[in-house]
Every structure is written in structure tokens, then in C-alpha cells.
Amino acid sequence: MNLDRFSQGLPDPQDAEVMAYCEGCGGEIYPGEDVYCVNGDIIHAEWECLVQYIDPEFKTIEEALGVA
């Protein structure tokens, strides 16, 4: 038994198991990554992914209030 903590080397990131797919960008989510959970959906803990997920509709204040 080798007790040297470096004897095995670091795990190869290419061998990491895909745990889920981001509902915002569609990208792979790997073990150890931080995520948002929104209504049961999993999203990368990145602002861009969250914005893609909610897909906001930009309007003027008049359009949003229904005032012409």
C-alpha cells in the first residue's frame, strides 16, 4: 500500500461523469460544480445561464403597463 498522496496523480477531467445538463445553455454539468435549482430545473451558477433560462422579454415601461 502506497501512502504517498501524489502516487495516483490527479483525476483526468476528461473522465468526469456528466451529472446533468444546464437548462439555460444546454451545457454539461460535472461533479463539484455549483448550480441554481429553479422549480426542479438545474442551471449553471452563472448569470448568463440564468438569464437564458428565464428568457426575459425586454419592453418599454409603457408597453409593460399597457399604456400607449
Protein backbone atom coordinates (compact mmCIF):
# COMPACT_ATOMS: atom_id res chain seq x y z
CA MET A 1 0.00 0.00 0.00
CA ASN A 2 1.46 3.32 -1.07
CA LEU A 3 0.55 6.18 1.25
CA ASP A 4 2.04 8.86 -0.97
CA ARG A 5 -0.94 11.13 -1.72
CA PHE A 6 0.54 12.02 -5.12
CA SER A 7 1.15 8.45 -6.25
CA GLN A 8 -2.16 8.25 -8.12
CA GLY A 9 -1.99 11.68 -9.72
CA LEU A 10 -4.94 13.96 -10.26
CA PRO A 11 -8.10 12.58 -11.87
CA ASP A 12 -8.36 13.27 -15.59
CA PRO A 13 -11.08 15.95 -16.10
CA GLN A 14 -12.00 14.29 -19.42
CA ASP A 15 -13.11 11.20 -17.47
CA ALA A 16 -15.58 13.16 -15.30
CA GLU A 17 -19.15 11.93 -15.43
CA VAL A 18 -21.77 14.33 -16.76
CA MET A 19 -24.25 14.75 -13.90
CA ALA A 20 -26.86 16.89 -15.72
CA TYR A 21 -27.36 19.41 -18.50
CA CYS A 22 -27.94 23.12 -17.89
CA GLU A 23 -31.50 24.22 -18.70
CA GLY A 24 -30.13 27.67 -19.61
CA CYS A 25 -27.29 26.99 -22.02
CA GLY A 26 -27.59 23.25 -22.57
CA GLY A 27 -24.01 22.66 -21.40
CA GLU A 28 -22.80 19.74 -19.34
CA ILE A 29 -22.70 19.93 -15.54
CA TYR A 30 -19.98 17.95 -13.75
CA PRO A 31 -19.48 16.82 -10.15
CA GLY A 32 -18.47 19.63 -7.81
CA GLU A 33 -19.99 22.44 -9.89
CA ASP A 34 -22.29 24.98 -8.25
CA VAL A 35 -25.77 25.20 -9.75
CA TYR A 36 -29.07 27.02 -9.34
CA CYS A 37 -32.17 24.88 -8.79
CA VAL A 38 -35.28 26.65 -10.09
CA ASN A 39 -38.59 24.76 -9.98
CA GLY A 40 -36.68 21.49 -10.22
CA ASP A 41 -34.56 22.61 -13.19
CA ILE A 42 -30.78 22.68 -12.87
CA ILE A 43 -28.85 25.69 -14.19
CA HIS A 44 -25.15 26.58 -14.08
CA ALA A 45 -24.47 29.07 -11.28
CA GLU A 46 -23.62 31.71 -13.87
CA TRP A 47 -25.57 34.87 -14.58
CA GLU A 48 -25.64 34.26 -18.35
CA CYS A 49 -27.21 30.81 -17.93
CA LEU A 50 -29.84 32.14 -15.55
CA VAL A 51 -30.80 34.92 -17.98
CA GLN A 52 -31.02 32.40 -20.85
CA TYR A 53 -33.20 30.17 -18.68
CA ILE A 54 -35.74 32.85 -17.74
CA ASP A 55 -35.63 34.37 -21.27
CA PRO A 56 -36.89 37.82 -20.28
CA GLU A 57 -38.82 39.92 -22.74
CA PHE A 58 -37.50 43.47 -22.82
CA LYS A 59 -40.12 46.18 -23.20
CA THR A 60 -40.54 49.86 -22.55
CA ILE A 61 -42.40 50.76 -19.35
CA GLU A 62 -45.36 51.90 -21.42
CA GLU A 63 -45.57 48.53 -23.19
CA ALA A 64 -45.25 46.66 -19.89
CA LEU A 65 -48.10 48.69 -18.34
CA GLY A 66 -50.24 48.52 -21.48
CA VAL A 67 -50.24 52.30 -21.82
CA ALA A 68 -49.89 53.76 -25.30
